[in-house]
Amino acid sequence: MKSQSLLARAGLLAAALCLISAPALRAENEQKPEKPLSSAQKKFDQDGDGKLNADEAAAYKAARAAEKKAMLEKYDTDKDGKLSDEEKAAAKADREKQKKNKEKHGE
């Protein structure tokens, strides 16, 4: 009698765990919607499918790494390998200046 009671409780506990974990498992199995490509990423979408395949993603990452290296070389005045708030502000000011020049010249 006691063993049947324990088995019944164990069965109820197992059923409760299944009910509790089912939504989480379902959510894990659902695919997340794909985010649209940024304008920078679109330049690397060679086949125009709206996604970056492995080669396109590698090219994008390499270009971003080169941009970061160039930014550090130009704006990292204290040569610590990262941009301080002041260095970031200088980079932002230059980008805004370049943007205004492009708009002014119709580019």
C-alpha atoms as a PDB file:
ATOM      1  CA  MET A   1       0.000   0.000   0.000  1.00  0.00           C
ATOM      2  CA  LYS A   2       2.791   2.376   0.948  1.00  0.00           C
ATOM      3  CA  SER A   3       4.742   1.546  -2.213  1.00  0.00           C
ATOM      4  CA  GLN A   4       1.641   2.214  -4.348  1.00  0.00           C
ATOM      5  CA  SER A   5       1.266   5.598  -2.693  1.00  0.00           C
ATOM      6  CA  LEU A   6       4.911   6.429  -3.398  1.00  0.00           C
ATOM      7  CA  LEU A   7       4.541   5.293  -7.001  1.00  0.00           C
ATOM      8  CA  ALA A   8       1.412   7.398  -7.404  1.00  0.00           C
ATOM      9  CA  ARG A   9       3.195  10.441  -5.999  1.00  0.00           C
ATOM     10  CA  ALA A  10       6.193   9.841  -8.253  1.00  0.00           C
ATOM     11  CA  GLY A  11       3.887   9.556 -11.248  1.00  0.00           C
ATOM     12  CA  LEU A  12       2.131  12.815 -10.342  1.00  0.00           C
ATOM     13  CA  LEU A  13       5.472  14.529  -9.883  1.00  0.00           C
ATOM     14  CA  ALA A  14       6.692  13.288 -13.269  1.00  0.00           C
ATOM     15  CA  ALA A  15       3.483  14.450 -14.941  1.00  0.00           C
ATOM     16  CA  ALA A  16       3.768  17.859 -13.308  1.00  0.00           C
ATOM     17  CA  LEU A  17       7.372  18.233 -14.466  1.00  0.00           C
ATOM     18  CA  CYS A  18       6.342  17.363 -18.016  1.00  0.00           C
ATOM     19  CA  LEU A  19       3.606  19.983 -17.956  1.00  0.00           C
ATOM     20  CA  ILE A  20       5.925  22.613 -16.542  1.00  0.00           C
ATOM     21  CA  SER A  21       8.812  21.960 -18.936  1.00  0.00           C
ATOM     22  CA  ALA A  22       6.770  21.450 -22.124  1.00  0.00           C
ATOM     23  CA  PRO A  23       6.468  25.160 -23.025  1.00  0.00           C
ATOM     24  CA  ALA A  24      10.193  25.694 -22.501  1.00  0.00           C
ATOM     25  CA  LEU A  25      11.067  22.721 -24.677  1.00  0.00           C
ATOM     26  CA  ARG A  26       8.645  23.880 -27.348  1.00  0.00           C
ATOM     27  CA  ALA A  27      10.189  27.361 -27.308  1.00  0.00           C
ATOM     28  CA  GLU A  28      13.689  25.909 -27.717  1.00  0.00           C
ATOM     29  CA  ASN A  29      12.611  23.902 -30.747  1.00  0.00           C
ATOM     30  CA  GLU A  30      10.903  26.806 -32.475  1.00  0.00           C
ATOM     31  CA  GLN A  31      13.144  28.608 -34.920  1.00  0.00           C
ATOM     32  CA  LYS A  32      13.845  32.239 -34.199  1.00  0.00           C
ATOM     33  CA  PRO A  33      12.830  34.598 -36.970  1.00  0.00           C
ATOM     34  CA  GLU A  34      15.804  35.804 -38.956  1.00  0.00           C
ATOM     35  CA  LYS A  35      16.740  39.434 -38.567  1.00  0.00           C
ATOM     36  CA  PRO A  36      17.009  41.383 -41.798  1.00  0.00           C
ATOM     37  CA  LEU A  37      20.527  42.208 -42.923  1.00  0.00           C
ATOM     38  CA  SER A  38      21.956  45.582 -42.024  1.00  0.00           C
ATOM     39  CA  SER A  39      22.919  47.902 -44.861  1.00  0.00           C
ATOM     40  CA  ALA A  40      26.572  47.006 -44.231  1.00  0.00           C
ATOM     41  CA  GLN A  41      25.791  43.280 -44.406  1.00  0.00           C
ATOM     42  CA  LYS A  42      23.749  43.681 -47.604  1.00  0.00           C
ATOM     43  CA  LYS A  43      26.924  44.722 -49.429  1.00  0.00           C
ATOM     44  CA  PHE A  44      28.306  41.240 -48.769  1.00  0.00           C
ATOM     45  CA  ASP A  45      25.184  39.282 -49.773  1.00  0.00           C
ATOM     46  CA  GLN A  46      26.579  38.267 -53.154  1.00  0.00           C
ATOM     47  CA  ASP A  47      23.776  35.887 -54.107  1.00  0.00           C
ATOM     48  CA  GLY A  48      21.051  38.309 -53.019  1.00  0.00           C
ATOM     49  CA  ASP A  49      19.146  35.770 -50.901  1.00  0.00           C
ATOM     50  CA  GLY A  50      18.892  38.086 -47.888  1.00  0.00           C
ATOM     51  CA  LYS A  51      21.242  35.904 -45.825  1.00  0.00           C
ATOM     52  CA  LEU A  52      24.988  35.657 -45.455  1.00  0.00           C
ATOM     53  CA  ASN A  53      26.375  32.223 -46.274  1.00  0.00           C
ATOM     54  CA  ALA A  54      29.676  31.095 -44.741  1.00  0.00           C
ATOM     55  CA  ASP A  55      31.856  32.769 -47.396  1.00  0.00           C
ATOM     56  CA  GLU A  56      29.867  36.014 -47.295  1.00  0.00           C
ATOM     57  CA  ALA A  57      29.941  36.075 -43.495  1.00  0.00           C
ATOM     58  CA  ALA A  58      33.706  35.490 -43.492  1.00  0.00           C
ATOM     59  CA  ALA A  59      34.193  38.382 -45.925  1.00  0.00           C
ATOM     60  CA  TYR A  60      31.970  40.605 -43.781  1.00  0.00           C
ATOM     61  CA  LYS A  61      33.866  39.719 -40.599  1.00  0.00           C
ATOM     62  CA  ALA A  62      37.221  40.332 -42.304  1.00  0.00           C
ATOM     63  CA  ALA A  63      36.064  43.746 -43.536  1.00  0.00           C
ATOM     64  CA  ARG A  64      34.789  44.682 -40.061  1.00  0.00           C
ATOM     65  CA  ALA A  65      38.107  43.592 -38.519  1.00  0.00           C
ATOM     66  CA  ALA A  66      40.008  45.735 -41.048  1.00  0.00           C
ATOM     67  CA  GLU A  67      37.748  48.715 -40.266  1.00  0.00           C
ATOM     68  CA  LYS A  68      38.339  48.263 -36.540  1.00  0.00           C
ATOM     69  CA  LYS A  69      42.098  48.066 -37.070  1.00  0.00           C
ATOM     70  CA  ALA A  70      42.040  51.230 -39.180  1.00  0.00           C
ATOM     71  CA  MET A  71      39.956  53.034 -36.543  1.00  0.00           C
ATOM     72  CA  LEU A  72      42.407  52.066 -33.815  1.00  0.00           C
ATOM     73  CA  GLU A  73      45.391  53.145 -35.893  1.00  0.00           C
ATOM     74  CA  LYS A  74      43.806  56.520 -36.610  1.00  0.00           C
ATOM     75  CA  TYR A  75      42.077  57.393 -33.318  1.00  0.00           C
ATOM     76  CA  ASP A  76      43.807  55.406 -30.549  1.00  0.00           C
ATOM     77  CA  THR A  77      46.117  58.247 -29.592  1.00  0.00           C
ATOM     78  CA  ASP A  78      47.336  56.654 -26.353  1.00  0.00           C
ATOM     79  CA  LYS A  79      47.973  53.318 -28.141  1.00  0.00           C
ATOM     80  CA  ASP A  80      46.281  51.216 -25.458  1.00  0.00           C
ATOM     81  CA  GLY A  81      44.425  49.078 -28.012  1.00  0.00           C
ATOM     82  CA  LYS A  82      40.984  50.547 -27.326  1.00  0.00           C
ATOM     83  CA  LEU A  83      39.170  53.800 -27.879  1.00  0.00           C
ATOM     84  CA  SER A  84      38.542  56.026 -24.873  1.00  0.00           C
ATOM     85  CA  ASP A  85      35.459  58.223 -24.719  1.00  0.00           C
ATOM     86  CA  GLU A  86      37.481  61.148 -26.083  1.00  0.00           C
ATOM     87  CA  GLU A  87      38.875  59.049 -28.933  1.00  0.00           C
ATOM     88  CA  LYS A  88      35.379  57.777 -29.766  1.00  0.00           C
ATOM     89  CA  ALA A  89      34.113  61.363 -29.803  1.00  0.00           C
ATOM     90  CA  ALA A  90      36.866  62.336 -32.262  1.00  0.00           C
ATOM     91  CA  ALA A  91      35.970  59.390 -34.508  1.00  0.00           C
ATOM     92  CA  LYS A  92      32.280  60.295 -34.370  1.00  0.00           C
ATOM     93  CA  ALA A  93      33.009  63.934 -35.206  1.00  0.00           C
ATOM     94  CA  ASP A  94      35.055  62.846 -38.238  1.00  0.00           C
ATOM     95  CA  ARG A  95      32.271  60.509 -39.436  1.00  0.00           C
ATOM     96  CA  GLU A  96      29.712  63.303 -39.136  1.00  0.00           C
ATOM     97  CA  LYS A  97      32.029  65.681 -41.008  1.00  0.00           C
ATOM     98  CA  GLN A  98      32.491  63.110 -43.799  1.00  0.00           C
ATOM     99  CA  LYS A  99      28.736  62.565 -43.980  1.00  0.00           C
ATOM    100  CA  LYS A 100      28.091  66.299 -44.339  1.00  0.00           C
ATOM    101  CA  ASN A 101      30.738  66.562 -47.059  1.00  0.00           C
ATOM    102  CA  LYS A 102      29.109  63.688 -48.982  1.00  0.00           C
ATOM    103  CA  GLU A 103      25.700  65.326 -48.703  1.00  0.00           C
ATOM    104  CA  LYS A 104      27.138  68.663 -49.763  1.00  0.00           C
ATOM    105  CA  HIS A 105      28.745  67.167 -52.868  1.00  0.00           C
ATOM    106  CA  GLY A 106      25.738  64.993 -53.715  1.00  0.00           C
ATOM    107  CA  GLU A 107      27.346  61.641 -53.128  1.00  0.00           C
END
